[in-house]
Amino acid sequence: MGLSDLAADLTVTTEQRERGVAVVDGTDASLAERLTPFADELPCDPSTAATLVEAYVEGASVGRAAALASVSGTTAAKTLFLLGEPVNPLTPTARRVLDDWLSGELSRTEAETLAGVGRAEFALGAYVATHEPIPGAEGVLADALARGSDENSTVDPLADARSGVDDWL
């Protein structure tokens, strides 16, 4: 069998279908409704958590998203952490110091000083070290991040992964 035999049934088209990133969401529920089953485990109510997540997905920092949702920055960081976002204000060295404090080898004052962070950052780091994200809730945030802020957006989600003409010059 030669190459011409292999290519005998091939056809060439001049058009190519436009394809985007596939997003699958089996629910028509709002973000707040999808967060409702986890209300007892979240540090704020589901509607506030939804406002927080929507602002965060749109690109707001944790602090700005907290302000838009009318919650403290620590509450916002805890909420995002419980929904699966890797939020931790401590450096690796500070995390080792925190571990020493959690095991009783250091006083809290010594640990905060050695970690080089303030009380709020240290407390948030301790929360992250002693809690796990809510099972099942991680998918809600992941879906919101995958969808972006506007489900009907024409923005190419892979634009930053492709090189442009100027990248080669």
N, C-alpha and C. Protein backbone atom coordinates (compact mmCIF):
# COMPACT_ATOMS: atom_id res chain seq x y z
N MET A 1 0.85 -1.17 0.00
CA MET A 1 0.00 0.00 0.00
C MET A 1 0.89 1.23 0.00
N GLY A 2 0.66 2.07 -0.96
CA GLY A 2 1.46 3.27 -1.09
C GLY A 2 0.80 4.47 -0.44
N LEU A 3 1.49 5.58 -0.47
CA LEU A 3 0.98 6.82 0.13
C LEU A 3 -0.28 7.29 -0.59
N SER A 4 -0.34 7.12 -1.90
CA SER A 4 -1.52 7.55 -2.65
C SER A 4 -2.75 6.72 -2.27
N ASP A 5 -2.56 5.45 -1.93
CA ASP A 5 -3.67 4.62 -1.48
C ASP A 5 -4.19 5.08 -0.11
N LEU A 6 -3.28 5.49 0.75
CA LEU A 6 -3.68 5.99 2.08
C LEU A 6 -4.45 7.30 1.97
N ALA A 7 -4.06 8.14 1.05
CA ALA A 7 -4.66 9.46 0.93
C ALA A 7 -5.85 9.48 -0.02
N ALA A 8 -6.26 8.38 -0.52
CA ALA A 8 -7.32 8.33 -1.53
C ALA A 8 -8.65 8.88 -1.01
N ASP A 9 -9.02 8.60 0.21
CA ASP A 9 -10.32 9.03 0.73
C ASP A 9 -10.26 10.33 1.52
N LEU A 10 -9.14 10.99 1.56
CA LEU A 10 -9.02 12.25 2.29
C LEU A 10 -9.60 13.39 1.48
N THR A 11 -10.27 14.29 2.19
CA THR A 11 -10.77 15.50 1.55
C THR A 11 -10.25 16.69 2.31
N VAL A 12 -10.05 17.77 1.61
CA VAL A 12 -9.53 19.00 2.21
C VAL A 12 -10.65 20.03 2.18
N THR A 13 -10.86 20.68 3.31
CA THR A 13 -11.87 21.75 3.37
C THR A 13 -11.15 23.08 3.50
N THR A 14 -11.77 24.13 3.06
CA THR A 14 -11.16 25.46 3.14
C THR A 14 -11.62 26.21 4.38
N GLU A 15 -12.58 25.68 5.10
CA GLU A 15 -13.08 26.33 6.30
C GLU A 15 -12.74 25.49 7.52
N GLN A 16 -12.55 26.17 8.61
CA GLN A 16 -12.29 25.48 9.86
C GLN A 16 -13.29 26.00 10.89
N ARG A 17 -13.84 25.10 11.64
CA ARG A 17 -14.81 25.52 12.65
C ARG A 17 -14.11 26.24 13.79
N GLU A 18 -14.75 27.29 14.26
CA GLU A 18 -14.24 28.03 15.42
C GLU A 18 -14.54 27.21 16.67
N ARG A 19 -13.53 26.95 17.43
CA ARG A 19 -13.72 26.17 18.65
C ARG A 19 -13.22 26.99 19.83
N GLY A 20 -13.91 26.89 20.94
CA GLY A 20 -13.51 27.57 22.16
C GLY A 20 -13.29 26.54 23.25
N VAL A 21 -13.08 27.02 24.43
CA VAL A 21 -12.91 26.15 25.57
C VAL A 21 -14.27 25.66 26.01
N ALA A 22 -14.43 24.36 26.15
CA ALA A 22 -15.72 23.80 26.55
C ALA A 22 -15.95 24.03 28.03
N VAL A 23 -17.12 24.51 28.37
CA VAL A 23 -17.51 24.69 29.75
C VAL A 23 -18.81 23.93 29.96
N VAL A 24 -18.81 23.05 30.94
CA VAL A 24 -19.99 22.26 31.21
C VAL A 24 -20.50 22.60 32.60
N ASP A 25 -21.75 22.96 32.67
CA ASP A 25 -22.39 23.24 33.94
C ASP A 25 -23.75 22.58 33.90
N GLY A 26 -23.93 21.56 34.72
CA GLY A 26 -25.17 20.81 34.70
C GLY A 26 -26.30 21.47 35.46
N THR A 27 -26.08 22.66 35.97
CA THR A 27 -27.12 23.32 36.75
C THR A 27 -27.48 24.65 36.15
N ASP A 28 -28.67 25.08 36.42
CA ASP A 28 -29.09 26.43 36.05
C ASP A 28 -29.17 27.30 37.30
N ALA A 29 -28.68 26.79 38.42
CA ALA A 29 -28.75 27.51 39.69
C ALA A 29 -27.73 28.65 39.71
N SER A 30 -28.07 29.69 40.44
CA SER A 30 -27.14 30.80 40.61
C SER A 30 -26.00 30.36 41.53
N LEU A 31 -24.98 31.16 41.57
CA LEU A 31 -23.83 30.85 42.42
C LEU A 31 -24.24 30.78 43.89
N ALA A 32 -25.08 31.69 44.34
CA ALA A 32 -25.55 31.68 45.73
C ALA A 32 -26.32 30.40 46.03
N GLU A 33 -27.14 29.95 45.08
CA GLU A 33 -27.90 28.71 45.28
C GLU A 33 -26.99 27.49 45.34
N ARG A 34 -25.91 27.51 44.55
CA ARG A 34 -24.98 26.38 44.58
C ARG A 34 -24.15 26.38 45.85
N LEU A 35 -24.01 27.53 46.50
CA LEU A 35 -23.26 27.61 47.76
C LEU A 35 -24.13 27.32 48.98
N THR A 36 -25.44 27.34 48.83
CA THR A 36 -26.36 27.13 49.95
C THR A 36 -26.12 25.83 50.71
N PRO A 37 -25.84 24.69 50.06
CA PRO A 37 -25.61 23.46 50.84
C PRO A 37 -24.40 23.55 51.77
N PHE A 38 -23.53 24.52 51.55
CA PHE A 38 -22.32 24.65 52.36
C PHE A 38 -22.41 25.82 53.34
N ALA A 39 -23.61 26.38 53.52
CA ALA A 39 -23.81 27.58 54.34
C ALA A 39 -23.32 27.40 55.77
N ASP A 40 -23.52 26.23 56.35
CA ASP A 40 -23.12 26.02 57.75
C ASP A 40 -21.60 26.02 57.93
N GLU A 41 -20.87 25.71 56.87
CA GLU A 41 -19.42 25.62 56.96
C GLU A 41 -18.70 26.89 56.50
N LEU A 42 -19.41 27.79 55.84
CA LEU A 42 -18.81 29.03 55.36
C LEU A 42 -18.85 30.10 56.45
N PRO A 43 -17.85 30.99 56.48
CA PRO A 43 -17.85 32.05 57.50
C PRO A 43 -18.80 33.20 57.20
N CYS A 44 -19.49 33.16 56.06
CA CYS A 44 -20.49 34.18 55.73
C CYS A 44 -21.65 33.50 55.00
N ASP A 45 -22.74 34.22 54.82
CA ASP A 45 -23.90 33.61 54.17
C ASP A 45 -23.63 33.38 52.68
N PRO A 46 -24.37 32.47 52.05
CA PRO A 46 -24.13 32.13 50.64
C PRO A 46 -24.22 33.31 49.67
N SER A 47 -25.13 34.24 49.90
CA SER A 47 -25.23 35.37 48.96
C SER A 47 -24.00 36.28 49.06
N THR A 48 -23.50 36.47 50.27
CA THR A 48 -22.27 37.26 50.45
C THR A 48 -21.09 36.53 49.83
N ALA A 49 -21.03 35.20 50.05
CA ALA A 49 -19.95 34.40 49.45
C ALA A 49 -20.01 34.46 47.93
N ALA A 50 -21.22 34.46 47.37
CA ALA A 50 -21.37 34.55 45.92
C ALA A 50 -20.88 35.90 45.41
N THR A 51 -21.20 36.97 46.10
CA THR A 51 -20.73 38.31 45.72
C THR A 51 -19.20 38.35 45.77
N LEU A 52 -18.64 37.76 46.82
CA LEU A 52 -17.19 37.69 46.98
C LEU A 52 -16.54 36.93 45.84
N VAL A 53 -17.07 35.75 45.54
CA VAL A 53 -16.51 34.91 44.47
C VAL A 53 -16.63 35.60 43.12
N GLU A 54 -17.77 36.22 42.85
CA GLU A 54 -17.96 36.91 41.57
C GLU A 54 -16.95 38.04 41.40
N ALA A 55 -16.70 38.81 42.46
CA ALA A 55 -15.71 39.89 42.38
C ALA A 55 -14.31 39.32 42.19
N TYR A 56 -14.01 38.24 42.89
CA TYR A 56 -12.69 37.60 42.78
C TYR A 56 -12.47 37.04 41.38
N VAL A 57 -13.50 36.43 40.82
CA VAL A 57 -13.41 35.86 39.47
C VAL A 57 -13.21 36.97 38.43
N GLU A 58 -13.79 38.13 38.66
CA GLU A 58 -13.63 39.25 37.74
C GLU A 58 -12.25 39.87 37.81
N GLY A 59 -11.42 39.42 38.75
CA GLY A 59 -10.04 39.90 38.83
C GLY A 59 -9.73 40.76 40.03
N ALA A 60 -10.68 40.95 40.93
CA ALA A 60 -10.43 41.75 42.12
C ALA A 60 -9.51 40.99 43.07
N SER A 61 -8.68 41.72 43.79
CA SER A 61 -7.85 41.10 44.81
C SER A 61 -8.76 40.60 45.94
N VAL A 62 -8.20 39.83 46.84
CA VAL A 62 -8.99 39.34 47.96
C VAL A 62 -9.52 40.52 48.78
N GLY A 63 -8.69 41.52 49.00
CA GLY A 63 -9.11 42.70 49.76
C GLY A 63 -10.22 43.48 49.08
N ARG A 64 -10.09 43.67 47.77
CA ARG A 64 -11.12 44.41 47.02
C ARG A 64 -12.41 43.60 46.95
N ALA A 65 -12.30 42.29 46.74
CA ALA A 65 -13.49 41.44 46.72
C ALA A 65 -14.19 41.47 48.07
N ALA A 66 -13.40 41.52 49.16
CA ALA A 66 -13.97 41.61 50.50
C ALA A 66 -14.74 42.91 50.67
N ALA A 67 -14.17 44.00 50.18
CA ALA A 67 -14.85 45.29 50.29
C ALA A 67 -16.15 45.30 49.49
N LEU A 68 -16.14 44.71 48.31
CA LEU A 68 -17.36 44.65 47.50
C LEU A 68 -18.44 43.78 48.14
N ALA A 69 -18.01 42.75 48.88
CA ALA A 69 -18.96 41.86 49.55
C ALA A 69 -19.29 42.33 50.96
N SER A 70 -18.69 43.42 51.39
CA SER A 70 -18.90 43.99 52.73
C SER A 70 -18.54 43.02 53.85
N VAL A 71 -17.39 42.36 53.71
CA VAL A 71 -16.86 41.49 54.76
C VAL A 71 -15.41 41.87 55.00
N SER A 72 -14.86 41.39 56.09
CA SER A 72 -13.45 41.67 56.38
C SER A 72 -12.56 40.87 55.42
N GLY A 73 -11.33 41.32 55.26
CA GLY A 73 -10.39 40.62 54.40
C GLY A 73 -10.12 39.21 54.87
N THR A 74 -10.08 39.01 56.19
CA THR A 74 -9.85 37.68 56.74
C THR A 74 -11.01 36.75 56.43
N THR A 75 -12.23 37.25 56.56
CA THR A 75 -13.42 36.44 56.24
C THR A 75 -13.42 36.08 54.76
N ALA A 76 -13.04 37.02 53.91
CA ALA A 76 -12.98 36.75 52.47
C ALA A 76 -11.94 35.69 52.17
N ALA A 77 -10.76 35.81 52.77
CA ALA A 77 -9.70 34.83 52.53
C ALA A 77 -10.10 33.45 53.03
N LYS A 78 -10.74 33.39 54.20
CA LYS A 78 -11.22 32.11 54.73
C LYS A 78 -12.25 31.49 53.79
N THR A 79 -13.17 32.30 53.30
CA THR A 79 -14.22 31.80 52.40
C THR A 79 -13.59 31.23 51.13
N LEU A 80 -12.70 32.00 50.52
CA LEU A 80 -12.05 31.53 49.29
C LEU A 80 -11.24 30.27 49.55
N PHE A 81 -10.56 30.21 50.70
CA PHE A 81 -9.79 29.02 51.05
C PHE A 81 -10.71 27.80 51.19
N LEU A 82 -11.83 27.97 51.89
CA LEU A 82 -12.75 26.86 52.09
C LEU A 82 -13.37 26.40 50.77
N LEU A 83 -13.42 27.29 49.79
CA LEU A 83 -13.95 26.93 48.47
C LEU A 83 -12.85 26.38 47.55
N GLY A 84 -11.63 26.24 48.07
CA GLY A 84 -10.58 25.59 47.31
C GLY A 84 -9.52 26.48 46.72
N GLU A 85 -9.58 27.78 46.95
CA GLU A 85 -8.57 28.69 46.42
C GLU A 85 -7.36 28.67 47.36
N PRO A 86 -6.14 28.48 46.84
CA PRO A 86 -4.96 28.41 47.71
C PRO A 86 -4.56 29.78 48.25
N VAL A 87 -5.17 30.18 49.34
CA VAL A 87 -4.91 31.48 49.96
C VAL A 87 -4.11 31.24 51.23
N ASN A 88 -2.88 31.74 51.25
CA ASN A 88 -2.05 31.61 52.45
C ASN A 88 -1.08 32.79 52.48
N PRO A 89 -1.16 33.64 53.51
CA PRO A 89 -0.31 34.82 53.56
C PRO A 89 1.11 34.54 54.05
N LEU A 90 1.39 33.30 54.43
CA LEU A 90 2.69 32.98 55.02
C LEU A 90 3.67 32.43 54.00
N THR A 91 4.92 32.82 54.17
CA THR A 91 6.00 32.28 53.35
C THR A 91 6.32 30.87 53.86
N PRO A 92 7.09 30.09 53.11
CA PRO A 92 7.45 28.75 53.60
C PRO A 92 8.17 28.78 54.96
N THR A 93 9.04 29.76 55.16
CA THR A 93 9.72 29.88 56.46
C THR A 93 8.73 30.20 57.56
N ALA A 94 7.81 31.11 57.28
CA ALA A 94 6.80 31.47 58.27
C ALA A 94 5.90 30.28 58.58
N ARG A 95 5.65 29.43 57.58
CA ARG A 95 4.83 28.22 57.82
C ARG A 95 5.55 27.25 58.75
N ARG A 96 6.87 27.16 58.63
CA ARG A 96 7.63 26.29 59.56
C ARG A 96 7.56 26.84 60.98
N VAL A 97 7.65 28.17 61.10
CA VAL A 97 7.52 28.81 62.42
C VAL A 97 6.13 28.54 62.98
N LEU A 98 5.10 28.66 62.14
CA LEU A 98 3.73 28.37 62.56
C LEU A 98 3.61 26.93 63.04
N ASP A 99 4.21 26.00 62.32
CA ASP A 99 4.18 24.59 62.75
C ASP A 99 4.83 24.42 64.12
N ASP A 100 5.92 25.15 64.37
CA ASP A 100 6.56 25.09 65.70
C ASP A 100 5.63 25.63 66.77
N TRP A 101 4.88 26.70 66.45
CA TRP A 101 3.92 27.25 67.42
C TRP A 101 2.78 26.26 67.65
N LEU A 102 2.27 25.65 66.57
CA LEU A 102 1.17 24.69 66.72
C LEU A 102 1.58 23.47 67.52
N SER A 103 2.85 23.10 67.46
CA SER A 103 3.32 21.94 68.22
C SER A 103 3.74 22.33 69.64
N GLY A 104 3.63 23.62 70.00
CA GLY A 104 3.89 24.06 71.36
C GLY A 104 5.34 24.38 71.64
N GLU A 105 6.17 24.49 70.64
CA GLU A 105 7.58 24.78 70.84
C GLU A 105 7.88 26.26 70.99
N LEU A 106 6.94 27.11 70.55
CA LEU A 106 7.12 28.56 70.63
C LEU A 106 5.86 29.20 71.19
N SER A 107 6.04 30.37 71.81
CA SER A 107 4.86 31.14 72.20
C SER A 107 4.33 31.85 70.97
N ARG A 108 3.09 32.31 71.04
CA ARG A 108 2.50 33.00 69.89
C ARG A 108 3.27 34.27 69.56
N THR A 109 3.66 35.02 70.56
CA THR A 109 4.39 36.27 70.35
C THR A 109 5.72 35.99 69.65
N GLU A 110 6.44 34.97 70.12
CA GLU A 110 7.70 34.60 69.48
C GLU A 110 7.48 34.16 68.03
N ALA A 111 6.44 33.37 67.82
CA ALA A 111 6.14 32.87 66.48
C ALA A 111 5.79 34.01 65.53
N GLU A 112 4.97 34.96 65.97
CA GLU A 112 4.61 36.10 65.12
C GLU A 112 5.85 36.92 64.78
N THR A 113 6.72 37.11 65.77
CA THR A 113 7.95 37.87 65.54
C THR A 113 8.86 37.15 64.54
N LEU A 114 9.07 35.85 64.76
CA LEU A 114 9.93 35.08 63.86
C LEU A 114 9.34 34.95 62.46
N ALA A 115 8.04 34.87 62.37
CA ALA A 115 7.40 34.75 61.06
C ALA A 115 7.44 36.07 60.30
N GLY A 116 7.55 37.17 61.01
CA GLY A 116 7.63 38.47 60.36
C GLY A 116 6.32 38.94 59.77
N VAL A 117 5.22 38.53 60.37
CA VAL A 117 3.90 38.95 59.89
C VAL A 117 3.09 39.52 61.05
N GLY A 118 2.01 40.18 60.73
CA GLY A 118 1.13 40.74 61.75
C GLY A 118 0.21 39.68 62.32
N ARG A 119 -0.58 40.10 63.30
CA ARG A 119 -1.49 39.17 63.97
C ARG A 119 -2.54 38.59 63.01
N ALA A 120 -3.10 39.42 62.14
CA ALA A 120 -4.14 38.95 61.22
C ALA A 120 -3.58 37.93 60.24
N GLU A 121 -2.40 38.20 59.69
CA GLU A 121 -1.79 37.27 58.74
C GLU A 121 -1.44 35.96 59.43
N PHE A 122 -0.93 36.07 60.66
CA PHE A 122 -0.57 34.87 61.41
C PHE A 122 -1.81 34.04 61.73
N ALA A 123 -2.88 34.71 62.13
CA ALA A 123 -4.13 34.01 62.43
C ALA A 123 -4.70 33.32 61.19
N LEU A 124 -4.64 34.01 60.04
CA LEU A 124 -5.12 33.40 58.80
C LEU A 124 -4.24 32.20 58.42
N GLY A 125 -2.94 32.33 58.59
CA GLY A 125 -2.04 31.20 58.32
C GLY A 125 -2.35 30.02 59.23
N ALA A 126 -2.67 30.29 60.50
CA ALA A 126 -3.04 29.22 61.43
C ALA A 126 -4.35 28.56 61.00
N TYR A 127 -5.29 29.37 60.53
CA TYR A 127 -6.56 28.83 60.06
C TYR A 127 -6.34 27.90 58.86
N VAL A 128 -5.53 28.36 57.92
CA VAL A 128 -5.24 27.55 56.72
C VAL A 128 -4.54 26.25 57.09
N ALA A 129 -3.63 26.33 58.08
CA ALA A 129 -2.89 25.14 58.49
C ALA A 129 -3.75 24.13 59.24
N THR A 130 -4.83 24.60 59.85
CA THR A 130 -5.64 23.70 60.68
C THR A 130 -7.00 23.35 60.09
N HIS A 131 -7.28 23.80 58.88
CA HIS A 131 -8.55 23.51 58.22
C HIS A 131 -8.31 22.97 56.82
N GLU A 132 -9.30 22.32 56.28
CA GLU A 132 -9.26 21.80 54.91
C GLU A 132 -10.38 22.46 54.11
N PRO A 133 -10.20 22.58 52.79
CA PRO A 133 -11.32 23.08 51.97
C PRO A 133 -12.53 22.16 52.12
N ILE A 134 -13.71 22.73 51.93
CA ILE A 134 -14.95 21.98 52.07
C ILE A 134 -15.08 21.01 50.90
N PRO A 135 -15.20 19.72 51.19
CA PRO A 135 -15.38 18.76 50.09
C PRO A 135 -16.66 19.06 49.32
N GLY A 136 -16.55 19.08 48.02
CA GLY A 136 -17.71 19.36 47.18
C GLY A 136 -17.86 20.83 46.84
N ALA A 137 -17.43 21.70 47.72
CA ALA A 137 -17.57 23.14 47.46
C ALA A 137 -16.49 23.63 46.51
N GLU A 138 -15.41 22.89 46.43
CA GLU A 138 -14.30 23.29 45.55
C GLU A 138 -14.76 23.41 44.10
N GLY A 139 -15.70 22.56 43.70
CA GLY A 139 -16.20 22.57 42.33
C GLY A 139 -16.96 23.84 42.00
N VAL A 140 -17.59 24.45 43.00
CA VAL A 140 -18.36 25.68 42.76
C VAL A 140 -17.42 26.81 42.36
N LEU A 141 -16.33 26.97 43.10
CA LEU A 141 -15.36 28.01 42.77
C LEU A 141 -14.64 27.68 41.47
N ALA A 142 -14.28 26.42 41.28
CA ALA A 142 -13.60 26.02 40.04
C ALA A 142 -14.46 26.29 38.83
N ASP A 143 -15.76 26.02 38.95
CA ASP A 143 -16.68 26.30 37.84
C ASP A 143 -16.78 27.79 37.59
N ALA A 144 -16.85 28.57 38.66
CA ALA A 144 -16.93 30.03 38.50
C ALA A 144 -15.66 30.58 37.86
N LEU A 145 -14.50 30.06 38.25
CA LEU A 145 -13.24 30.50 37.65
C LEU A 145 -13.14 30.08 36.19
N ALA A 146 -13.64 28.90 35.87
CA ALA A 146 -13.60 28.41 34.49
C ALA A 146 -14.50 29.24 33.59
N ARG A 147 -15.65 29.64 34.13
CA ARG A 147 -16.60 30.40 33.35
C ARG A 147 -16.16 31.85 33.18
N GLY A 148 -15.43 32.37 34.12
CA GLY A 148 -15.07 33.79 34.07
C GLY A 148 -16.23 34.63 34.53
N SER A 149 -16.08 35.92 34.43
CA SER A 149 -17.11 36.82 34.94
C SER A 149 -18.31 36.91 34.01
N ASP A 150 -18.15 36.63 32.73
CA ASP A 150 -19.25 36.75 31.78
C ASP A 150 -19.31 35.50 30.94
N GLU A 151 -20.38 34.74 31.09
CA GLU A 151 -20.51 33.48 30.39
C GLU A 151 -20.59 33.67 28.88
N ASN A 152 -21.02 34.81 28.41
CA ASN A 152 -21.17 35.06 26.99
C ASN A 152 -20.02 35.89 26.43
N SER A 153 -18.93 35.95 27.16
CA SER A 153 -17.80 36.75 26.76
C SER A 153 -17.17 36.23 25.48
N THR A 154 -16.72 37.16 24.64
CA THR A 154 -16.04 36.78 23.41
C THR A 154 -14.53 36.80 23.60
N VAL A 155 -14.07 37.06 24.81
CA VAL A 155 -12.65 37.08 25.10
C VAL A 155 -12.12 35.65 25.01
N ASP A 156 -11.02 35.50 24.31
CA ASP A 156 -10.40 34.18 24.15
C ASP A 156 -9.74 33.78 25.46
N PRO A 157 -10.19 32.71 26.12
CA PRO A 157 -9.60 32.33 27.41
C PRO A 157 -8.18 31.81 27.29
N LEU A 158 -7.72 31.50 26.09
CA LEU A 158 -6.36 31.02 25.89
C LEU A 158 -5.46 32.06 25.24
N ALA A 159 -5.90 33.30 25.19
CA ALA A 159 -5.15 34.35 24.51
C ALA A 159 -3.74 34.52 25.06
N ASP A 160 -3.60 34.44 26.39
CA ASP A 160 -2.27 34.62 26.97
C ASP A 160 -1.36 33.41 26.76
N ALA A 161 -1.89 32.31 26.30
CA ALA A 161 -1.09 31.11 26.04
C ALA A 161 -0.55 31.08 24.62
N ARG A 162 -1.04 31.97 23.78
CA ARG A 162 -0.60 32.00 22.37
C ARG A 162 0.35 33.17 22.16
N SER A 163 1.29 32.97 21.28
CA SER A 163 2.20 34.05 20.95
C SER A 163 1.62 34.87 19.80
N GLY A 164 1.95 36.12 19.81
CA GLY A 164 1.50 37.02 18.75
C GLY A 164 2.63 37.28 17.76
N VAL A 165 2.33 38.05 16.75
CA VAL A 165 3.33 38.37 15.74
C VAL A 165 4.49 39.11 16.34
N ASP A 166 4.21 40.03 17.28
CA ASP A 166 5.28 40.84 17.88
C ASP A 166 6.21 40.00 18.76
N ASP A 167 5.78 38.85 19.21
CA ASP A 167 6.61 38.02 20.07
C ASP A 167 7.82 37.46 19.31
N TRP A 168 7.72 37.40 18.02
CA TRP A 168 8.80 36.81 17.21
C TRP A 168 9.79 37.84 16.73
N LEU A 169 9.49 39.11 16.90
CA LEU A 169 10.38 40.16 16.40
C LEU A 169 11.36 40.61 17.43
